[in-house]
Protein backbone atom coordinates (compact mmCIF):
# COMPACT_ATOMS: atom_id res chain seq x y z
CA UNK A 1 -10.75 -42.32 51.65
CA UNK A 2 -8.92 -39.07 52.24
CA UNK A 3 -6.46 -37.77 49.69
CA UNK A 4 -3.79 -35.31 50.60
CA UNK A 5 -3.20 -32.37 48.32
CA UNK A 6 0.44 -31.44 48.07
CA UNK A 7 1.69 -28.12 46.76
CA UNK A 8 3.21 -29.98 43.80
CA UNK A 9 -0.05 -31.69 42.83
CA UNK A 10 -1.90 -28.42 43.26
CA UNK A 11 0.60 -26.70 40.94
CA UNK A 12 0.25 -29.48 38.37
CA UNK A 13 -3.55 -29.14 38.38
CA UNK A 14 -3.22 -25.38 38.05
CA UNK A 15 -0.89 -25.79 35.06
CA UNK A 16 -3.25 -28.32 33.44
CA UNK A 17 -6.26 -26.01 33.84
CA UNK A 18 -4.29 -23.05 32.52
CA UNK A 19 -3.00 -25.03 29.54
CA UNK A 20 -6.54 -26.19 28.76
CA UNK A 21 -7.78 -22.60 28.94
CA UNK A 22 -4.92 -21.43 26.69
CA UNK A 23 -5.80 -24.09 24.12
CA UNK A 24 -9.49 -23.09 24.19
CA UNK A 25 -8.58 -19.43 23.82
CA UNK A 26 -6.30 -20.34 20.91
CA UNK A 27 -9.34 -21.76 19.10
CA UNK A 28 -11.45 -18.74 20.09
CA UNK A 29 -8.84 -16.38 18.66
CA UNK A 30 -8.03 -18.34 15.52
CA UNK A 31 -11.68 -18.88 14.59
CA UNK A 32 -13.01 -15.55 15.95
CA UNK A 33 -15.59 -17.53 17.91
CA UNK A 34 -16.28 -14.52 20.12
CA UNK A 35 -15.47 -11.76 17.65
CA UNK A 36 -17.44 -9.28 19.75
CA UNK A 37 -15.01 -9.83 22.61
CA UNK A 38 -11.53 -8.77 21.47
CA UNK A 39 -10.36 -8.98 25.10
CA UNK A 40 -10.13 -12.73 24.52
CA UNK A 41 -7.06 -12.11 22.39
CA UNK A 42 -5.32 -10.49 25.36
CA UNK A 43 -6.52 -13.34 27.60
CA UNK A 44 -4.91 -15.80 25.19
CA UNK A 45 -1.62 -13.91 25.35
CA UNK A 46 -1.82 -13.62 29.14
CA UNK A 47 -2.45 -17.37 29.58
CA UNK A 48 0.56 -18.20 27.39
CA UNK A 49 2.73 -15.82 29.38
CA UNK A 50 1.54 -17.34 32.69
CA UNK A 51 2.19 -20.88 31.44
CA UNK A 52 5.75 -19.89 30.59
CA UNK A 53 6.19 -18.13 33.94
CA UNK A 54 5.04 -21.32 35.71
CA UNK A 55 7.56 -23.35 33.73
CA UNK A 56 4.83 -25.37 32.01
CA UNK A 57 6.05 -24.42 28.52
CA UNK A 58 9.12 -22.86 26.96
CA UNK A 59 8.59 -19.10 26.72
CA UNK A 60 10.20 -18.68 23.30
CA UNK A 61 8.05 -21.48 21.87
CA UNK A 62 4.91 -20.04 23.49
CA UNK A 63 5.56 -16.52 22.22
CA UNK A 64 6.37 -17.82 18.73
CA UNK A 65 3.19 -19.91 18.69
CA UNK A 66 1.05 -17.00 19.84
CA UNK A 67 2.63 -14.70 17.25
CA UNK A 68 1.99 -17.26 14.54
CA UNK A 69 -1.64 -17.67 15.65
CA UNK A 70 -2.16 -13.91 15.52
CA UNK A 71 -0.55 -13.67 12.08
CA UNK A 72 -2.59 -16.56 10.65
CA UNK A 73 -5.74 -15.01 12.05
CA UNK A 74 -4.88 -11.56 10.70
CA UNK A 75 -4.36 -13.05 7.22
CA UNK A 76 -7.64 -14.99 7.24
CA UNK A 77 -9.93 -13.13 4.82
CA UNK A 78 -12.96 -15.11 6.06
CA UNK A 79 -12.83 -13.43 9.47
CA UNK A 80 -14.22 -9.98 10.32
CA UNK A 81 -11.81 -7.15 9.53
CA UNK A 82 -11.99 -5.69 13.04
CA UNK A 83 -10.94 -9.06 14.50
CA UNK A 84 -8.13 -9.37 12.00
CA UNK A 85 -7.04 -5.82 12.80
CA UNK A 86 -7.06 -6.51 16.56
CA UNK A 87 -4.91 -9.61 16.02
CA UNK A 88 -2.46 -7.70 13.85
CA UNK A 89 -2.17 -4.91 16.40
CA UNK A 90 -1.56 -7.38 19.22
CA UNK A 91 1.30 -9.07 17.37
CA UNK A 92 3.31 -6.33 19.09
CA UNK A 93 2.98 -8.18 22.43
CA UNK A 94 4.69 -11.49 21.53
CA UNK A 95 7.00 -9.66 19.12
CA UNK A 96 8.31 -7.50 21.96
CA UNK A 97 8.87 -10.56 24.19
CA UNK A 98 10.65 -12.39 21.36
CA UNK A 99 12.89 -9.37 20.78
CA UNK A 100 13.84 -9.53 24.44
CA UNK A 101 14.28 -13.32 24.51
CA UNK A 102 16.08 -13.98 21.23
CA UNK A 103 16.84 -10.64 19.60
CA UNK A 104 20.42 -10.38 20.85
CA UNK A 105 21.17 -14.09 20.58
CA UNK A 106 19.76 -14.67 17.11
CA UNK A 107 19.31 -11.41 15.20
CA UNK A 108 18.70 -13.21 11.89
CA UNK A 109 15.78 -15.16 13.35
CA UNK A 110 14.41 -11.94 14.81
CA UNK A 111 14.68 -10.19 11.43
CA UNK A 112 12.77 -13.05 9.79
CA UNK A 113 10.03 -12.84 12.42
CA UNK A 114 9.71 -9.06 12.02
CA UNK A 115 9.67 -9.43 8.22
CA UNK A 116 6.76 -11.87 8.51
CA UNK A 117 4.80 -9.40 10.65
CA UNK A 118 5.51 -6.51 8.28
CA UNK A 119 4.60 -8.58 5.22
CA UNK A 120 1.30 -9.51 6.82
CA UNK A 121 0.61 -5.87 7.66
CA UNK A 122 1.32 -4.74 4.10
CA UNK A 123 -1.02 -7.36 2.64
CA UNK A 124 -3.96 -6.50 4.83
CA UNK A 125 -6.38 -3.71 4.05
CA UNK A 126 -6.07 -2.62 7.67
CA UNK A 127 -4.55 0.33 9.53
CA UNK A 128 -0.83 -0.17 10.10
CA UNK A 129 -0.06 2.68 12.46
CA UNK A 130 1.39 0.40 15.14
CA UNK A 131 4.16 -0.87 12.86
CA UNK A 132 6.01 2.44 12.75
CA UNK A 133 8.26 1.29 15.58
CA UNK A 134 8.94 -2.03 13.86
CA UNK A 135 9.92 -0.75 10.42
């Protein structure tokens, strides 16, 4: 039996594989499963961005989820400090996208998001040099 692959079915499979990878990377990041590979954090962010670009997920929701994952990870005292620091530094990526996506439309929500990032940074015994632009 021969099955025909249509562009639509191919796109759906691509989205499913990408979503699965994003979910696995979420666990990797949140649990620091590969703490010696901080590039996985960027891969997680890239997968979320690609999913949104493909229309598989809402971009605001994806960026908010990724920011929340990075913040939770940065606050987790059980994880290695360098991993926590990398997550805190990379909050700038979804934060910048959220500023672009909702900053003008909902400045109060954006202020709350930025306050959460800054509060996290103040509570961590980590370098905070990247927050100068956010303060």
